[in-house]
Amino acid sequence: GVDGDLAVCSDLIDVSKECHMPERVPKVYACMLRRGLKLDYLRSHTLISLLSQVDELRSALTVLDLLPQSAQRCKIDTYTQLVGSCFRANLGEEAMRLIHEYLSYAPADM
């Protein structure tokens, strides 16, 4: 069922992170899309970071867009990976947009 599929995908994301194998994540993400699965916000951030590491920027931004427009969206590691992926793809304007977005959600004491 859906809960089992989600658990398997979540575990695959965790294993990909722990084993430093982000190249496996795009297949997991494609499977999740086909099945309409949604992750909790912590695993969403992990998925975004891993997708960014393998320059799957469009997919990473799609996952980011699924997160609520709130402080939950604000995780420095996630935005660092995204901005790096933008620069590797020569997308400086998108990198600046992400930096501004991050700053709009970041706590004022940062």
Protein backbone atom coordinates (compact mmCIF):
# COMPACT_ATOMS: atom_id res chain seq x y z
CA GLY A 1 0.00 0.00 0.00
CA VAL A 2 0.86 3.69 -0.02
CA ASP A 3 2.21 3.65 3.54
CA GLY A 4 4.55 0.79 2.69
CA ASP A 5 5.71 2.54 -0.50
CA LEU A 6 6.37 5.73 1.44
CA ALA A 7 8.34 3.84 4.09
CA VAL A 8 10.48 2.14 1.44
CA CYS A 9 11.15 5.45 -0.36
CA SER A 10 12.01 7.15 2.93
CA ASP A 11 14.43 4.35 3.79
CA LEU A 12 16.03 4.54 0.32
CA ILE A 13 16.56 8.27 0.75
CA ASP A 14 18.11 7.73 4.19
CA VAL A 15 20.39 4.96 2.89
CA SER A 16 21.46 7.10 -0.08
CA LYS A 17 22.43 9.86 2.33
CA GLU A 18 24.23 7.61 4.81
CA CYS A 19 26.14 5.76 2.07
CA HIS A 20 27.02 8.97 0.24
CA MET A 21 25.28 7.75 -2.92
CA PRO A 22 23.10 10.67 -4.06
CA GLU A 23 23.12 9.36 -7.64
CA ARG A 24 20.45 6.82 -6.64
CA VAL A 25 17.99 9.43 -5.47
CA PRO A 26 16.56 10.56 -8.86
CA LYS A 27 15.12 7.05 -9.37
CA VAL A 28 13.54 7.13 -5.92
CA TYR A 29 12.11 10.57 -6.65
CA ALA A 30 10.69 9.40 -10.03
CA CYS A 31 9.00 6.46 -8.27
CA MET A 32 7.53 8.80 -5.67
CA LEU A 33 6.10 11.04 -8.39
CA ARG A 34 4.49 8.10 -10.20
CA ARG A 35 2.85 6.95 -6.98
CA GLY A 36 1.91 10.38 -5.64
CA LEU A 37 3.90 9.96 -2.42
CA LYS A 38 4.73 12.91 -0.15
CA LEU A 39 7.50 13.01 2.42
CA ASP A 40 7.63 14.67 5.82
CA TYR A 41 9.52 17.96 5.82
CA LEU A 42 12.80 16.55 7.21
CA ARG A 43 13.07 13.90 4.50
CA SER A 44 11.96 16.49 1.95
CA HIS A 45 15.00 18.58 2.90
CA THR A 46 17.23 15.50 2.62
CA LEU A 47 15.78 14.72 -0.81
CA ILE A 48 16.33 18.31 -1.98
CA SER A 49 19.96 18.22 -0.83
CA LEU A 50 20.66 14.89 -2.50
CA LEU A 51 18.98 15.92 -5.76
CA SER A 52 21.02 19.14 -5.71
CA GLN A 53 24.24 17.19 -5.25
CA VAL A 54 23.63 15.33 -8.52
CA ASP A 55 22.49 18.54 -10.27
CA GLU A 56 18.85 17.50 -10.56
CA LEU A 57 17.96 21.14 -9.92
CA ARG A 58 14.49 21.13 -11.47
CA SER A 59 13.45 18.14 -9.35
CA ALA A 60 14.98 19.66 -6.22
CA LEU A 61 13.09 22.92 -6.77
CA THR A 62 9.85 20.98 -7.32
CA VAL A 63 10.28 19.28 -3.94
CA LEU A 64 11.08 22.65 -2.33
CA ASP A 65 7.88 24.09 -3.79
CA LEU A 66 5.90 21.36 -2.01
CA LEU A 67 7.07 22.65 1.37
CA PRO A 68 4.87 25.24 3.06
CA GLN A 69 5.82 28.91 2.78
CA SER A 70 6.98 29.02 6.40
CA ALA A 71 10.00 28.65 8.67
CA GLN A 72 9.92 24.86 7.98
CA ARG A 73 11.14 25.75 4.51
CA CYS A 74 14.19 27.52 5.98
CA LYS A 75 17.06 25.07 6.36
CA ILE A 76 20.50 26.45 5.55
CA ASP A 77 21.93 23.12 4.32
CA THR A 78 19.10 22.75 1.82
CA TYR A 79 19.53 26.23 0.41
CA THR A 80 23.32 25.88 0.29
CA GLN A 81 22.99 22.75 -1.85
CA LEU A 82 20.41 24.42 -4.10
CA VAL A 83 22.48 27.56 -4.62
CA GLY A 84 25.56 25.48 -5.41
CA SER A 85 23.60 23.51 -7.98
CA CYS A 86 22.36 26.77 -9.54
CA PHE A 87 25.90 28.10 -9.88
CA ARG A 88 27.12 24.83 -11.43
CA ALA A 89 24.30 25.20 -14.00
CA ASN A 90 25.19 28.89 -14.63
CA LEU A 91 21.85 29.99 -13.18
CA GLY A 92 23.04 32.95 -11.14
CA GLU A 93 19.63 34.67 -11.15
CA GLU A 94 17.96 31.56 -9.74
CA ALA A 95 20.70 31.33 -7.10
CA MET A 96 20.04 34.93 -6.07
CA ARG A 97 16.27 34.27 -5.94
CA LEU A 98 16.89 31.34 -3.61
CA ILE A 99 19.20 33.41 -1.39
CA HIS A 100 16.54 36.12 -1.09
CA GLU A 101 13.88 33.48 -0.39
CA TYR A 102 16.02 31.93 2.34
CA LEU A 103 16.62 35.31 3.96
CA SER A 104 12.89 36.02 3.97
CA TYR A 105 12.24 32.86 6.04
CA ALA A 106 15.40 32.84 8.17
CA PRO A 107 15.11 33.86 11.81
CA ALA A 108 15.98 37.50 12.38
CA ASP A 109 18.84 36.62 14.74
CA MET A 110 20.90 34.86 12.04
